[in-house]
N, C-alpha and C. Protein backbone atom coordinates (compact mmCIF):
# COMPACT_ATOMS: atom_id res chain seq x y z
N MET A 1 -58.52 36.05 126.79
CA MET A 1 -57.15 36.36 126.39
C MET A 1 -56.74 35.42 125.27
N CYS A 2 -56.38 35.96 124.15
CA CYS A 2 -55.95 35.15 123.01
C CYS A 2 -54.43 35.20 122.92
N LEU A 3 -53.82 34.06 123.06
CA LEU A 3 -52.36 34.01 123.08
C LEU A 3 -51.79 33.26 121.89
N GLY A 4 -52.64 32.89 120.93
CA GLY A 4 -52.13 32.17 119.78
C GLY A 4 -51.95 30.70 120.09
N THR A 5 -51.18 30.03 119.28
CA THR A 5 -51.01 28.60 119.45
C THR A 5 -49.55 28.27 119.70
N VAL A 6 -49.36 27.20 120.43
CA VAL A 6 -48.02 26.67 120.65
C VAL A 6 -48.06 25.21 120.26
N PRO A 7 -46.92 24.59 119.98
CA PRO A 7 -46.91 23.22 119.52
C PRO A 7 -47.54 22.25 120.52
N ALA A 8 -48.29 21.29 120.00
CA ALA A 8 -48.89 20.28 120.86
C ALA A 8 -47.80 19.35 121.38
N ALA A 9 -47.98 18.89 122.61
CA ALA A 9 -46.99 18.00 123.20
C ALA A 9 -47.72 16.91 123.99
N ALA A 10 -47.09 15.74 124.11
CA ALA A 10 -47.70 14.64 124.83
C ALA A 10 -47.85 14.98 126.31
N GLU A 11 -46.91 15.74 126.85
CA GLU A 11 -46.96 16.18 128.23
C GLU A 11 -46.96 17.70 128.27
N PRO A 12 -47.44 18.29 129.37
CA PRO A 12 -47.44 19.76 129.47
C PRO A 12 -46.02 20.31 129.30
N LEU A 13 -45.92 21.43 128.64
CA LEU A 13 -44.63 22.12 128.56
C LEU A 13 -44.28 22.64 129.94
N ARG A 14 -43.04 22.50 130.29
CA ARG A 14 -42.60 22.88 131.64
C ARG A 14 -41.83 24.19 131.59
N ILE A 15 -42.38 25.19 132.27
CA ILE A 15 -41.73 26.50 132.38
C ILE A 15 -41.18 26.64 133.79
N VAL A 16 -39.91 26.97 133.90
CA VAL A 16 -39.32 27.28 135.20
C VAL A 16 -39.24 28.79 135.34
N ALA A 17 -39.85 29.32 136.38
CA ALA A 17 -39.76 30.75 136.68
C ALA A 17 -38.64 30.94 137.70
N LEU A 18 -37.49 31.40 137.21
CA LEU A 18 -36.30 31.57 138.03
C LEU A 18 -36.25 33.02 138.50
N GLY A 19 -36.41 33.23 139.80
CA GLY A 19 -36.46 34.61 140.24
C GLY A 19 -36.23 34.79 141.72
N ASP A 20 -36.64 35.97 142.19
CA ASP A 20 -36.49 36.35 143.58
C ASP A 20 -37.86 36.38 144.25
N SER A 21 -38.06 37.26 145.22
CA SER A 21 -39.33 37.30 145.95
C SER A 21 -40.51 37.66 145.06
N LEU A 22 -40.28 38.38 143.98
CA LEU A 22 -41.36 38.74 143.07
C LEU A 22 -41.92 37.50 142.39
N THR A 23 -41.07 36.50 142.18
CA THR A 23 -41.51 35.22 141.64
C THR A 23 -41.99 34.30 142.76
N ALA A 24 -41.26 34.28 143.87
CA ALA A 24 -41.59 33.37 144.97
C ALA A 24 -42.98 33.62 145.53
N GLY A 25 -43.42 34.89 145.47
CA GLY A 25 -44.74 35.23 146.01
C GLY A 25 -44.67 35.70 147.45
N TYR A 26 -43.65 36.46 147.76
CA TYR A 26 -43.47 36.99 149.12
C TYR A 26 -44.74 37.67 149.62
N GLY A 27 -45.19 37.28 150.82
CA GLY A 27 -46.35 37.91 151.43
C GLY A 27 -47.69 37.46 150.88
N LEU A 28 -47.69 36.49 149.98
CA LEU A 28 -48.92 36.03 149.34
C LEU A 28 -49.19 34.56 149.63
N MET A 29 -50.45 34.16 149.49
CA MET A 29 -50.77 32.75 149.49
C MET A 29 -50.14 32.13 148.25
N ARG A 30 -49.78 30.85 148.34
CA ARG A 30 -49.11 30.20 147.21
C ARG A 30 -49.90 30.32 145.91
N GLU A 31 -51.22 30.20 146.02
CA GLU A 31 -52.05 30.26 144.81
C GLU A 31 -52.12 31.65 144.20
N ASP A 32 -51.66 32.66 144.95
CA ASP A 32 -51.64 34.03 144.42
C ASP A 32 -50.27 34.44 143.89
N SER A 33 -49.30 33.55 143.93
CA SER A 33 -47.95 33.87 143.43
C SER A 33 -47.96 34.02 141.92
N PHE A 34 -46.96 34.68 141.40
CA PHE A 34 -46.84 34.88 139.95
C PHE A 34 -46.85 33.57 139.17
N PRO A 35 -46.04 32.56 139.54
CA PRO A 35 -46.06 31.32 138.76
C PRO A 35 -47.43 30.62 138.76
N ALA A 36 -48.09 30.61 139.92
CA ALA A 36 -49.39 29.94 140.02
C ALA A 36 -50.44 30.65 139.16
N LYS A 37 -50.46 31.97 139.23
CA LYS A 37 -51.45 32.72 138.46
C LYS A 37 -51.13 32.68 136.97
N LEU A 38 -49.84 32.68 136.63
CA LEU A 38 -49.48 32.59 135.22
C LEU A 38 -49.91 31.25 134.66
N GLU A 39 -49.66 30.18 135.40
CA GLU A 39 -50.06 28.85 134.94
C GLU A 39 -51.57 28.79 134.69
N ARG A 40 -52.35 29.32 135.62
CA ARG A 40 -53.81 29.29 135.44
C ARG A 40 -54.24 30.11 134.23
N ALA A 41 -53.61 31.26 134.04
CA ALA A 41 -53.97 32.11 132.90
C ALA A 41 -53.65 31.42 131.57
N LEU A 42 -52.48 30.80 131.50
CA LEU A 42 -52.09 30.11 130.26
C LEU A 42 -52.96 28.89 130.01
N ASN A 43 -53.27 28.16 131.06
CA ASN A 43 -54.17 27.00 130.92
C ASN A 43 -55.54 27.44 130.45
N ALA A 44 -56.04 28.53 131.01
CA ALA A 44 -57.36 29.05 130.63
C ALA A 44 -57.40 29.48 129.17
N ALA A 45 -56.22 29.87 128.65
CA ALA A 45 -56.12 30.28 127.25
C ALA A 45 -55.87 29.09 126.33
N GLY A 46 -55.89 27.88 126.90
CA GLY A 46 -55.76 26.68 126.08
C GLY A 46 -54.35 26.17 125.92
N LEU A 47 -53.41 26.70 126.71
CA LEU A 47 -52.02 26.25 126.61
C LEU A 47 -51.73 25.23 127.70
N ASP A 48 -51.23 24.07 127.31
CA ASP A 48 -50.97 22.98 128.25
C ASP A 48 -49.56 23.15 128.82
N VAL A 49 -49.48 23.90 129.90
CA VAL A 49 -48.18 24.20 130.50
C VAL A 49 -48.24 24.03 132.01
N ARG A 50 -47.08 23.83 132.60
CA ARG A 50 -46.92 23.87 134.05
C ARG A 50 -45.82 24.89 134.34
N VAL A 51 -46.05 25.73 135.31
CA VAL A 51 -45.08 26.77 135.66
C VAL A 51 -44.53 26.46 137.05
N GLU A 52 -43.25 26.16 137.12
CA GLU A 52 -42.61 25.83 138.39
C GLU A 52 -42.07 27.08 139.06
N ASN A 53 -42.37 27.22 140.33
CA ASN A 53 -41.91 28.37 141.09
C ASN A 53 -40.49 28.11 141.59
N ALA A 54 -39.51 28.71 140.92
CA ALA A 54 -38.12 28.62 141.34
C ALA A 54 -37.66 30.00 141.81
N GLY A 55 -38.54 30.65 142.58
CA GLY A 55 -38.21 31.94 143.16
C GLY A 55 -37.73 31.80 144.59
N VAL A 56 -36.72 32.56 144.95
CA VAL A 56 -36.18 32.57 146.31
C VAL A 56 -36.11 34.02 146.79
N SER A 57 -36.86 34.32 147.83
CA SER A 57 -36.89 35.68 148.35
C SER A 57 -35.49 36.13 148.77
N GLY A 58 -35.14 37.34 148.39
CA GLY A 58 -33.84 37.89 148.74
C GLY A 58 -32.73 37.55 147.77
N ASP A 59 -33.03 36.72 146.79
CA ASP A 59 -31.98 36.29 145.88
C ASP A 59 -31.50 37.43 144.98
N THR A 60 -30.20 37.46 144.78
CA THR A 60 -29.59 38.36 143.80
C THR A 60 -29.35 37.59 142.51
N SER A 61 -28.82 38.25 141.52
CA SER A 61 -28.46 37.55 140.28
C SER A 61 -27.38 36.50 140.55
N ALA A 62 -26.50 36.78 141.50
CA ALA A 62 -25.46 35.80 141.87
C ALA A 62 -26.09 34.56 142.48
N GLY A 63 -27.09 34.76 143.33
CA GLY A 63 -27.78 33.64 143.94
C GLY A 63 -28.50 32.80 142.90
N GLY A 64 -29.13 33.46 141.95
CA GLY A 64 -29.81 32.73 140.89
C GLY A 64 -28.85 31.89 140.07
N LEU A 65 -27.68 32.44 139.81
CA LEU A 65 -26.66 31.70 139.05
C LEU A 65 -26.18 30.49 139.84
N SER A 66 -25.97 30.66 141.15
CA SER A 66 -25.41 29.58 141.96
C SER A 66 -26.37 28.40 142.07
N ARG A 67 -27.68 28.63 141.94
CA ARG A 67 -28.63 27.53 142.08
C ARG A 67 -29.28 27.16 140.75
N LEU A 68 -28.71 27.61 139.66
CA LEU A 68 -29.33 27.38 138.36
C LEU A 68 -29.49 25.89 138.06
N ASP A 69 -28.44 25.11 138.23
CA ASP A 69 -28.52 23.69 137.91
C ASP A 69 -29.57 22.99 138.76
N TRP A 70 -29.63 23.34 140.03
CA TRP A 70 -30.63 22.74 140.92
C TRP A 70 -32.03 23.12 140.47
N SER A 71 -32.22 24.37 140.06
CA SER A 71 -33.55 24.84 139.65
C SER A 71 -34.04 24.12 138.40
N LEU A 72 -33.11 23.64 137.59
CA LEU A 72 -33.47 22.96 136.34
C LEU A 72 -33.39 21.44 136.46
N SER A 73 -33.16 20.96 137.68
CA SER A 73 -32.87 19.53 137.86
C SER A 73 -34.04 18.63 137.49
N ARG A 74 -35.25 19.15 137.52
CA ARG A 74 -36.41 18.32 137.17
C ARG A 74 -36.82 18.50 135.72
N GLY A 75 -35.99 19.21 134.98
CA GLY A 75 -36.24 19.39 133.55
C GLY A 75 -37.04 20.65 133.26
N ALA A 76 -36.88 21.16 132.05
CA ALA A 76 -37.59 22.37 131.63
C ALA A 76 -37.60 22.45 130.11
N ASP A 77 -38.63 23.09 129.60
CA ASP A 77 -38.68 23.42 128.18
C ASP A 77 -38.38 24.89 127.96
N ALA A 78 -38.68 25.70 128.98
CA ALA A 78 -38.52 27.14 128.87
C ALA A 78 -38.25 27.73 130.25
N VAL A 79 -37.62 28.89 130.26
CA VAL A 79 -37.29 29.54 131.53
C VAL A 79 -37.62 31.04 131.45
N ILE A 80 -38.30 31.52 132.47
CA ILE A 80 -38.50 32.96 132.65
C ILE A 80 -37.46 33.41 133.67
N VAL A 81 -36.60 34.33 133.29
CA VAL A 81 -35.53 34.81 134.18
C VAL A 81 -35.95 36.16 134.76
N GLU A 82 -36.26 36.15 136.05
CA GLU A 82 -36.70 37.36 136.76
C GLU A 82 -35.73 37.58 137.91
N LEU A 83 -34.62 38.22 137.64
CA LEU A 83 -33.59 38.46 138.65
C LEU A 83 -32.99 39.86 138.47
N GLY A 84 -32.50 40.39 139.57
CA GLY A 84 -31.84 41.69 139.51
C GLY A 84 -32.45 42.73 140.42
N ALA A 85 -33.69 42.49 140.88
CA ALA A 85 -34.34 43.48 141.74
C ALA A 85 -33.53 43.74 143.00
N ASN A 86 -33.02 42.67 143.63
CA ASN A 86 -32.25 42.84 144.86
C ASN A 86 -30.87 43.43 144.59
N ASP A 87 -30.33 43.17 143.40
CA ASP A 87 -29.07 43.83 143.02
C ASP A 87 -29.28 45.34 143.02
N GLY A 88 -30.39 45.77 142.42
CA GLY A 88 -30.68 47.19 142.34
C GLY A 88 -30.96 47.80 143.70
N LEU A 89 -31.73 47.08 144.53
CA LEU A 89 -32.05 47.60 145.86
C LEU A 89 -30.79 47.80 146.69
N ARG A 90 -29.78 46.94 146.47
CA ARG A 90 -28.54 47.02 147.23
C ARG A 90 -27.49 47.90 146.56
N GLY A 91 -27.83 48.44 145.39
CA GLY A 91 -26.88 49.30 144.70
C GLY A 91 -25.65 48.58 144.21
N LEU A 92 -25.79 47.30 143.88
CA LEU A 92 -24.64 46.53 143.42
C LEU A 92 -24.16 47.01 142.05
N ASP A 93 -22.93 46.75 141.74
CA ASP A 93 -22.33 47.17 140.48
C ASP A 93 -23.08 46.54 139.31
N PRO A 94 -23.66 47.35 138.42
CA PRO A 94 -24.39 46.80 137.28
C PRO A 94 -23.54 45.85 136.42
N ALA A 95 -22.23 46.08 136.39
CA ALA A 95 -21.36 45.21 135.60
C ALA A 95 -21.39 43.78 136.16
N GLN A 96 -21.49 43.65 137.48
CA GLN A 96 -21.54 42.32 138.08
C GLN A 96 -22.89 41.66 137.83
N THR A 97 -23.96 42.46 137.91
CA THR A 97 -25.29 41.93 137.60
C THR A 97 -25.33 41.44 136.15
N PHE A 98 -24.76 42.23 135.26
CA PHE A 98 -24.70 41.84 133.85
C PHE A 98 -23.96 40.51 133.71
N ALA A 99 -22.82 40.38 134.38
CA ALA A 99 -22.01 39.17 134.25
C ALA A 99 -22.76 37.94 134.76
N ASN A 100 -23.47 38.09 135.87
CA ASN A 100 -24.22 36.96 136.42
C ASN A 100 -25.36 36.53 135.49
N LEU A 101 -26.12 37.51 135.00
CA LEU A 101 -27.23 37.19 134.10
C LEU A 101 -26.71 36.67 132.76
N ASP A 102 -25.58 37.19 132.33
CA ASP A 102 -24.95 36.73 131.10
C ASP A 102 -24.62 35.24 131.22
N ALA A 103 -24.07 34.85 132.37
CA ALA A 103 -23.71 33.45 132.59
C ALA A 103 -24.96 32.57 132.64
N ILE A 104 -26.03 33.07 133.25
CA ILE A 104 -27.28 32.30 133.30
C ILE A 104 -27.83 32.08 131.91
N LEU A 105 -27.90 33.13 131.12
CA LEU A 105 -28.45 33.02 129.76
C LEU A 105 -27.58 32.12 128.89
N THR A 106 -26.28 32.21 129.06
CA THR A 106 -25.37 31.35 128.28
C THR A 106 -25.66 29.88 128.56
N ARG A 107 -25.82 29.54 129.82
CA ARG A 107 -26.06 28.14 130.18
C ARG A 107 -27.44 27.68 129.74
N LEU A 108 -28.43 28.54 129.82
CA LEU A 108 -29.76 28.18 129.36
C LEU A 108 -29.77 27.92 127.86
N LYS A 109 -29.07 28.76 127.13
CA LYS A 109 -29.01 28.57 125.68
C LYS A 109 -28.24 27.31 125.31
N GLU A 110 -27.20 27.01 126.06
CA GLU A 110 -26.45 25.77 125.82
C GLU A 110 -27.33 24.54 126.00
N ASN A 111 -28.34 24.67 126.88
CA ASN A 111 -29.28 23.57 127.10
C ASN A 111 -30.45 23.59 126.14
N GLY A 112 -30.45 24.53 125.20
CA GLY A 112 -31.49 24.58 124.18
C GLY A 112 -32.85 25.01 124.68
N LEU A 113 -32.89 25.78 125.75
CA LEU A 113 -34.17 26.18 126.34
C LEU A 113 -34.67 27.50 125.75
N ALA A 114 -35.98 27.61 125.63
CA ALA A 114 -36.59 28.89 125.26
C ALA A 114 -36.51 29.81 126.47
N ILE A 115 -36.28 31.10 126.23
CA ILE A 115 -36.01 32.03 127.33
C ILE A 115 -36.82 33.31 127.17
N LEU A 116 -37.36 33.78 128.31
CA LEU A 116 -37.91 35.13 128.39
C LEU A 116 -37.19 35.83 129.53
N LEU A 117 -36.47 36.89 129.20
CA LEU A 117 -35.76 37.70 130.18
C LEU A 117 -36.66 38.86 130.59
N THR A 118 -36.84 39.05 131.89
CA THR A 118 -37.66 40.17 132.36
C THR A 118 -36.76 41.23 132.98
N GLY A 119 -36.98 42.45 132.58
CA GLY A 119 -36.16 43.55 133.05
C GLY A 119 -36.62 44.10 134.39
N MET A 120 -35.74 44.87 135.00
CA MET A 120 -36.02 45.48 136.30
C MET A 120 -35.43 46.89 136.30
N GLN A 121 -35.96 47.73 137.17
CA GLN A 121 -35.45 49.08 137.32
C GLN A 121 -34.93 49.28 138.73
N ALA A 122 -33.90 50.08 138.86
CA ALA A 122 -33.33 50.38 140.17
C ALA A 122 -34.18 51.44 140.87
N PRO A 123 -34.16 51.47 142.18
CA PRO A 123 -34.90 52.49 142.93
C PRO A 123 -34.42 53.89 142.54
N PRO A 124 -35.34 54.85 142.41
CA PRO A 124 -34.96 56.20 141.98
C PRO A 124 -33.99 56.91 142.91
N ASN A 125 -33.96 56.50 144.19
CA ASN A 125 -33.07 57.20 145.14
C ASN A 125 -31.59 56.92 144.87
N LEU A 126 -31.30 55.96 143.99
CA LEU A 126 -29.91 55.67 143.65
C LEU A 126 -29.39 56.58 142.53
N GLY A 127 -30.26 57.42 141.99
CA GLY A 127 -29.84 58.39 141.00
C GLY A 127 -30.08 57.95 139.57
N LYS A 128 -30.20 58.93 138.69
CA LYS A 128 -30.52 58.66 137.29
C LYS A 128 -29.40 57.90 136.58
N GLU A 129 -28.17 58.26 136.85
CA GLU A 129 -27.05 57.61 136.16
C GLU A 129 -27.03 56.11 136.46
N TYR A 130 -27.14 55.79 137.74
CA TYR A 130 -27.16 54.37 138.12
C TYR A 130 -28.39 53.68 137.53
N GLY A 131 -29.54 54.35 137.61
CA GLY A 131 -30.78 53.77 137.10
C GLY A 131 -30.71 53.47 135.62
N ASP A 132 -30.16 54.39 134.85
CA ASP A 132 -30.05 54.19 133.40
C ASP A 132 -29.10 53.03 133.10
N GLU A 133 -27.97 52.98 133.81
CA GLU A 133 -27.00 51.92 133.58
C GLU A 133 -27.60 50.56 133.95
N PHE A 134 -28.35 50.54 135.04
CA PHE A 134 -28.95 49.29 135.49
C PHE A 134 -30.00 48.80 134.51
N ALA A 135 -30.90 49.68 134.09
CA ALA A 135 -31.97 49.29 133.15
C ALA A 135 -31.40 48.79 131.83
N ALA A 136 -30.27 49.37 131.42
CA ALA A 136 -29.67 49.00 130.13
C ALA A 136 -29.13 47.58 130.12
N ILE A 137 -28.86 47.02 131.32
CA ILE A 137 -28.34 45.66 131.41
C ILE A 137 -29.20 44.70 130.60
N TYR A 138 -30.49 44.79 130.77
CA TYR A 138 -31.41 43.81 130.21
C TYR A 138 -31.52 43.93 128.69
N HIS A 139 -31.51 45.14 128.19
CA HIS A 139 -31.55 45.33 126.74
C HIS A 139 -30.26 44.81 126.10
N ARG A 140 -29.14 45.06 126.76
CA ARG A 140 -27.85 44.57 126.23
C ARG A 140 -27.82 43.05 126.22
N LEU A 141 -28.31 42.43 127.27
CA LEU A 141 -28.32 40.98 127.35
C LEU A 141 -29.25 40.36 126.31
N ALA A 142 -30.43 40.95 126.15
CA ALA A 142 -31.38 40.41 125.18
C ALA A 142 -30.81 40.47 123.77
N GLU A 143 -30.13 41.57 123.48
CA GLU A 143 -29.52 41.73 122.16
C GLU A 143 -28.36 40.76 121.98
N LYS A 144 -27.53 40.62 123.00
CA LYS A 144 -26.37 39.74 122.91
C LYS A 144 -26.77 38.29 122.69
N HIS A 145 -27.80 37.84 123.41
CA HIS A 145 -28.17 36.43 123.37
C HIS A 145 -29.33 36.13 122.42
N GLY A 146 -29.93 37.18 121.87
CA GLY A 146 -31.04 36.97 120.96
C GLY A 146 -32.26 36.35 121.64
N VAL A 147 -32.53 36.80 122.88
CA VAL A 147 -33.67 36.25 123.62
C VAL A 147 -34.76 37.30 123.74
N LEU A 148 -35.98 36.83 124.01
CA LEU A 148 -37.10 37.73 124.19
C LEU A 148 -36.93 38.53 125.48
N LEU A 149 -37.36 39.77 125.46
CA LEU A 149 -37.24 40.65 126.62
C LEU A 149 -38.59 41.26 126.95
N TYR A 150 -39.00 41.13 128.21
CA TYR A 150 -40.12 41.90 128.74
C TYR A 150 -39.47 43.00 129.57
N PRO A 151 -39.49 44.24 129.09
CA PRO A 151 -38.61 45.28 129.63
C PRO A 151 -38.68 45.55 131.13
N PHE A 152 -39.88 45.46 131.73
CA PHE A 152 -40.00 45.78 133.16
C PHE A 152 -41.03 44.88 133.79
N PHE A 153 -40.58 43.98 134.63
CA PHE A 153 -41.47 42.97 135.23
C PHE A 153 -42.65 43.60 135.95
N LEU A 154 -42.44 44.73 136.61
CA LEU A 154 -43.48 45.37 137.42
C LEU A 154 -44.21 46.48 136.66
N ASP A 155 -44.18 46.42 135.35
CA ASP A 155 -44.86 47.43 134.52
C ASP A 155 -46.34 47.51 134.90
N GLY A 156 -46.81 48.72 135.18
CA GLY A 156 -48.21 48.92 135.53
C GLY A 156 -48.53 48.69 136.99
N VAL A 157 -47.54 48.23 137.75
CA VAL A 157 -47.76 47.89 139.16
C VAL A 157 -46.86 48.71 140.08
N ALA A 158 -45.61 48.92 139.69
CA ALA A 158 -44.67 49.66 140.52
C ALA A 158 -45.20 51.04 140.86
N ALA A 159 -45.09 51.42 142.13
CA ALA A 159 -45.47 52.74 142.62
C ALA A 159 -46.98 53.00 142.56
N VAL A 160 -47.79 51.94 142.41
CA VAL A 160 -49.25 52.07 142.47
C VAL A 160 -49.69 51.47 143.80
N PRO A 161 -49.99 52.31 144.80
CA PRO A 161 -50.22 51.82 146.16
C PRO A 161 -51.24 50.69 146.27
N GLU A 162 -52.36 50.80 145.56
CA GLU A 162 -53.42 49.81 145.70
C GLU A 162 -53.07 48.46 145.08
N LEU A 163 -51.95 48.38 144.35
CA LEU A 163 -51.54 47.13 143.72
C LEU A 163 -50.35 46.50 144.42
N ASN A 164 -49.92 47.11 145.54
CA ASN A 164 -48.76 46.61 146.26
C ASN A 164 -49.07 46.37 147.73
N GLN A 165 -48.24 45.54 148.35
CA GLN A 165 -48.36 45.28 149.76
C GLN A 165 -47.88 46.50 150.55
N GLU A 166 -47.98 46.43 151.86
CA GLU A 166 -47.64 47.59 152.69
C GLU A 166 -46.19 48.01 152.55
N ASP A 167 -45.31 47.07 152.14
CA ASP A 167 -43.90 47.44 151.99
C ASP A 167 -43.65 48.29 150.75
N THR A 168 -44.66 48.46 149.92
CA THR A 168 -44.65 49.25 148.68
C THR A 168 -43.74 48.67 147.60
N ILE A 169 -43.20 47.48 147.84
CA ILE A 169 -42.26 46.86 146.89
C ILE A 169 -42.86 45.64 146.20
N HIS A 170 -43.54 44.81 146.99
CA HIS A 170 -44.05 43.55 146.47
C HIS A 170 -45.53 43.67 146.07
N PRO A 171 -45.89 43.19 144.88
CA PRO A 171 -47.29 43.25 144.46
C PRO A 171 -48.20 42.45 145.38
N ASN A 172 -49.43 42.94 145.56
CA ASN A 172 -50.44 42.13 146.22
C ASN A 172 -51.11 41.25 145.15
N ALA A 173 -52.13 40.51 145.52
CA ALA A 173 -52.77 39.59 144.58
C ALA A 173 -53.29 40.33 143.35
N ARG A 174 -53.85 41.50 143.53
CA ARG A 174 -54.34 42.30 142.39
C ARG A 174 -53.18 42.72 141.51
N GLY A 175 -52.07 43.09 142.14
CA GLY A 175 -50.90 43.48 141.37
C GLY A 175 -50.36 42.34 140.54
N VAL A 176 -50.35 41.14 141.12
CA VAL A 176 -49.87 39.98 140.37
C VAL A 176 -50.76 39.73 139.15
N ASP A 177 -52.06 39.96 139.30
CA ASP A 177 -52.96 39.81 138.15
C ASP A 177 -52.55 40.73 137.00
N ILE A 178 -52.16 41.96 137.34
CA ILE A 178 -51.72 42.91 136.31
C ILE A 178 -50.45 42.42 135.65
N VAL A 179 -49.48 41.97 136.45
CA VAL A 179 -48.22 41.46 135.92
C VAL A 179 -48.49 40.30 134.96
N VAL A 180 -49.31 39.36 135.40
CA VAL A 180 -49.61 38.18 134.58
C VAL A 180 -50.30 38.58 133.28
N GLY A 181 -51.28 39.46 133.38
CA GLY A 181 -52.00 39.87 132.18
C GLY A 181 -51.11 40.52 131.14
N ARG A 182 -50.12 41.27 131.61
CA ARG A 182 -49.24 41.97 130.67
C ARG A 182 -48.13 41.08 130.11
N ILE A 183 -47.67 40.13 130.91
CA ILE A 183 -46.54 39.32 130.47
C ILE A 183 -46.96 38.07 129.71
N ALA A 184 -48.19 37.61 129.89
CA ALA A 184 -48.64 36.35 129.30
C ALA A 184 -48.43 36.27 127.78
N PRO A 185 -48.74 37.32 127.01
CA PRO A 185 -48.48 37.23 125.57
C PRO A 185 -47.01 37.01 125.24
N HIS A 186 -46.12 37.56 126.04
CA HIS A 186 -44.69 37.38 125.82
C HIS A 186 -44.27 35.95 126.17
N VAL A 187 -44.90 35.39 127.19
CA VAL A 187 -44.64 33.99 127.53
C VAL A 187 -45.10 33.08 126.39
N SER A 188 -46.25 33.40 125.81
CA SER A 188 -46.73 32.63 124.66
C SER A 188 -45.75 32.69 123.51
N ASP A 189 -45.19 33.86 123.25
CA ASP A 189 -44.19 34.00 122.19
C ASP A 189 -42.97 33.13 122.48
N MET A 190 -42.58 33.08 123.76
CA MET A 190 -41.46 32.24 124.15
C MET A 190 -41.76 30.77 123.86
N LEU A 191 -42.97 30.34 124.19
CA LEU A 191 -43.32 28.94 123.99
C LEU A 191 -43.35 28.55 122.52
N LYS A 192 -43.67 29.50 121.67
CA LYS A 192 -43.67 29.20 120.23
C LYS A 192 -42.29 28.85 119.73
N GLN A 193 -41.28 29.37 120.41
CA GLN A 193 -39.91 29.08 119.99
C GLN A 193 -39.55 27.61 120.19
N ILE A 194 -40.23 26.95 121.11
CA ILE A 194 -39.96 25.54 121.37
C ILE A 194 -40.23 24.72 120.11
N GLY A 195 -41.38 24.98 119.49
CA GLY A 195 -41.73 24.27 118.27
C GLY A 195 -40.80 24.59 117.12
N GLU A 196 -40.34 25.84 117.07
CA GLU A 196 -39.44 26.25 115.98
C GLU A 196 -38.10 25.55 116.07
N ARG A 197 -37.71 25.11 117.26
CA ARG A 197 -36.40 24.49 117.44
C ARG A 197 -36.45 22.98 117.26
N LYS A 198 -37.66 22.42 117.17
CA LYS A 198 -37.78 20.97 117.05
C LYS A 198 -37.97 20.54 115.62
């Protein structure tokens, strides 16, 4: 996997993966979680990074906002924001999800951090109108804040039985490999922004 180059640093660049169970690694061994596998993939590609797992199973966008300062308390150079899946599962008002993520991105930008926002889709049983409104949240936020967007965190994995656990919602270890393989180039692009700001 060729991911290009990122600026050299005396210490590994620190990426905080702020998310819900999809980040936390629900149902998986710790070494099979998204942050752990992403870190190994980036290291294997020659990038000196550490990826901190700041995922909390069941968290909504409101939960992510409430613990943002704590999640960044050990410092960070960049943040992957993976939140909203539980908002969609619960059918929460997309306007509130937008407001919570908007506040998170505002604070991250105020701290000068590089950001990758990952999008999510609502369950189809909530209807097309809700689904379209929910998916649009992420594009609107990326445009408003000028941050990188990976449109759908579960791209290539959602609704593929052999890549998910028995609950059909959470990726298994093979599914996480697909997620990491697809998102890693976008993470590399995020890391390049660190050098551009220094």
